[in-house]
N, C-alpha and C. Protein backbone atom coordinates (compact mmCIF):
# COMPACT_ATOMS: atom_id res chain seq x y z
N MET A 1 49.01 -21.76 -3.03
CA MET A 1 49.46 -22.81 -2.16
C MET A 1 48.38 -23.15 -1.13
N LEU A 2 47.70 -22.12 -0.68
CA LEU A 2 46.62 -22.37 0.28
C LEU A 2 45.50 -23.17 -0.38
N HIS A 3 45.29 -22.95 -1.64
CA HIS A 3 44.27 -23.69 -2.39
C HIS A 3 44.59 -25.19 -2.38
N TYR A 4 45.85 -25.53 -2.62
CA TYR A 4 46.23 -26.94 -2.63
C TYR A 4 46.10 -27.57 -1.25
N ALA A 5 46.39 -26.79 -0.21
CA ALA A 5 46.23 -27.30 1.15
C ALA A 5 44.77 -27.63 1.43
N VAL A 6 43.88 -26.77 0.99
CA VAL A 6 42.45 -27.01 1.19
C VAL A 6 41.99 -28.22 0.38
N VAL A 7 42.50 -28.35 -0.84
CA VAL A 7 42.13 -29.49 -1.68
C VAL A 7 42.56 -30.81 -1.02
N PHE A 8 43.79 -30.86 -0.52
CA PHE A 8 44.24 -32.09 0.14
C PHE A 8 43.47 -32.35 1.43
N PHE A 9 43.07 -31.29 2.13
CA PHE A 9 42.27 -31.47 3.34
C PHE A 9 40.91 -32.07 3.01
N VAL A 10 40.29 -31.60 1.93
CA VAL A 10 39.00 -32.14 1.50
C VAL A 10 39.16 -33.60 1.07
N ILE A 11 40.23 -33.91 0.37
CA ILE A 11 40.50 -35.30 -0.03
C ILE A 11 40.65 -36.17 1.21
N ALA A 12 41.34 -35.65 2.23
CA ALA A 12 41.53 -36.42 3.46
C ALA A 12 40.20 -36.69 4.15
N ILE A 13 39.33 -35.70 4.18
CA ILE A 13 38.02 -35.89 4.83
C ILE A 13 37.19 -36.91 4.06
N ILE A 14 37.17 -36.81 2.75
CA ILE A 14 36.38 -37.75 1.95
C ILE A 14 36.94 -39.17 2.09
N ALA A 15 38.26 -39.30 2.07
CA ALA A 15 38.87 -40.62 2.21
C ALA A 15 38.58 -41.21 3.59
N ALA A 16 38.59 -40.37 4.62
CA ALA A 16 38.29 -40.85 5.97
C ALA A 16 36.84 -41.30 6.08
N LEU A 17 35.94 -40.58 5.45
CA LEU A 17 34.53 -40.97 5.49
C LEU A 17 34.29 -42.30 4.77
N LEU A 18 35.09 -42.55 3.74
CA LEU A 18 34.93 -43.78 2.97
C LEU A 18 35.74 -44.94 3.57
N GLY A 19 36.51 -44.67 4.62
CA GLY A 19 37.22 -45.74 5.31
C GLY A 19 38.64 -45.97 4.84
N PHE A 20 39.19 -45.08 4.06
CA PHE A 20 40.57 -45.22 3.60
C PHE A 20 41.49 -44.44 4.54
N GLY A 21 41.85 -45.04 5.66
CA GLY A 21 42.62 -44.36 6.69
C GLY A 21 44.01 -43.97 6.26
N GLY A 22 44.69 -44.84 5.52
CA GLY A 22 46.05 -44.54 5.08
C GLY A 22 46.10 -43.37 4.13
N ILE A 23 45.19 -43.36 3.19
CA ILE A 23 45.14 -42.27 2.23
C ILE A 23 44.75 -40.97 2.94
N ALA A 24 43.83 -41.07 3.89
CA ALA A 24 43.39 -39.89 4.62
C ALA A 24 44.53 -39.28 5.43
N SER A 25 45.31 -40.11 6.10
CA SER A 25 46.41 -39.57 6.90
C SER A 25 47.50 -38.98 6.01
N GLY A 26 47.74 -39.60 4.86
CA GLY A 26 48.71 -39.05 3.93
C GLY A 26 48.29 -37.71 3.37
N ALA A 27 47.04 -37.61 2.97
CA ALA A 27 46.53 -36.34 2.44
C ALA A 27 46.51 -35.27 3.52
N ALA A 28 46.18 -35.64 4.74
CA ALA A 28 46.18 -34.66 5.84
C ALA A 28 47.60 -34.18 6.13
N GLY A 29 48.56 -35.08 6.05
CA GLY A 29 49.95 -34.69 6.25
C GLY A 29 50.43 -33.72 5.19
N ILE A 30 50.09 -33.99 3.95
CA ILE A 30 50.46 -33.10 2.85
C ILE A 30 49.79 -31.75 3.03
N ALA A 31 48.52 -31.74 3.42
CA ALA A 31 47.80 -30.48 3.63
C ALA A 31 48.45 -29.68 4.75
N LYS A 32 48.88 -30.35 5.80
CA LYS A 32 49.53 -29.65 6.92
C LYS A 32 50.85 -29.02 6.48
N ILE A 33 51.64 -29.77 5.71
CA ILE A 33 52.92 -29.24 5.23
C ILE A 33 52.70 -28.04 4.32
N LEU A 34 51.74 -28.14 3.40
CA LEU A 34 51.47 -27.03 2.49
C LEU A 34 50.98 -25.80 3.24
N PHE A 35 50.18 -26.00 4.29
CA PHE A 35 49.68 -24.87 5.06
C PHE A 35 50.82 -24.19 5.81
N ILE A 36 51.75 -24.97 6.35
CA ILE A 36 52.90 -24.39 7.05
C ILE A 36 53.78 -23.61 6.08
N VAL A 37 54.00 -24.16 4.89
CA VAL A 37 54.79 -23.45 3.88
C VAL A 37 54.09 -22.16 3.49
N PHE A 38 52.76 -22.19 3.36
CA PHE A 38 52.00 -20.98 3.05
C PHE A 38 52.18 -19.93 4.13
N LEU A 39 52.10 -20.34 5.40
CA LEU A 39 52.26 -19.39 6.49
C LEU A 39 53.66 -18.77 6.49
N VAL A 40 54.68 -19.59 6.27
CA VAL A 40 56.05 -19.07 6.25
C VAL A 40 56.22 -18.06 5.11
N LEU A 41 55.72 -18.39 3.93
CA LEU A 41 55.84 -17.47 2.80
C LEU A 41 55.04 -16.19 3.02
N ALA A 42 53.89 -16.29 3.67
CA ALA A 42 53.09 -15.10 3.96
C ALA A 42 53.82 -14.19 4.94
N VAL A 43 54.44 -14.75 5.97
CA VAL A 43 55.18 -13.94 6.93
C VAL A 43 56.40 -13.29 6.28
N VAL A 44 57.11 -14.05 5.46
CA VAL A 44 58.27 -13.49 4.75
C VAL A 44 57.84 -12.35 3.84
N SER A 45 56.74 -12.51 3.15
CA SER A 45 56.24 -11.45 2.28
C SER A 45 55.84 -10.22 3.07
N LEU A 46 55.19 -10.43 4.20
CA LEU A 46 54.78 -9.31 5.05
C LEU A 46 55.99 -8.55 5.57
N VAL A 47 56.99 -9.26 6.05
CA VAL A 47 58.21 -8.61 6.56
C VAL A 47 58.94 -7.88 5.44
N ALA A 48 59.00 -8.47 4.26
CA ALA A 48 59.66 -7.83 3.12
C ALA A 48 58.95 -6.53 2.74
N ASN A 49 57.63 -6.55 2.77
CA ASN A 49 56.88 -5.32 2.44
C ASN A 49 57.06 -4.26 3.50
N LEU A 50 57.15 -4.64 4.78
CA LEU A 50 57.36 -3.67 5.83
C LEU A 50 58.74 -3.05 5.75
N ILE A 51 59.74 -3.85 5.41
CA ILE A 51 61.11 -3.34 5.27
C ILE A 51 61.22 -2.45 4.04
N LYS A 52 60.53 -2.80 2.97
CA LYS A 52 60.59 -2.04 1.72
C LYS A 52 60.03 -0.63 1.90
N LYS A 53 58.97 -0.51 2.71
CA LYS A 53 58.37 0.80 2.93
C LYS A 53 59.25 1.56 3.89
């Protein structure tokens, strides 16, 4: 999931450099959502492993 967030972030940067503001903001929004989902899943996994031990 983190990989996809980075991919969308790179797409947003390239689109912004080429002047496609709408596409850049959309890709940045998707990257932000994917990164937040990644963080939530990472924390849940960490807590689950701590409880399991």
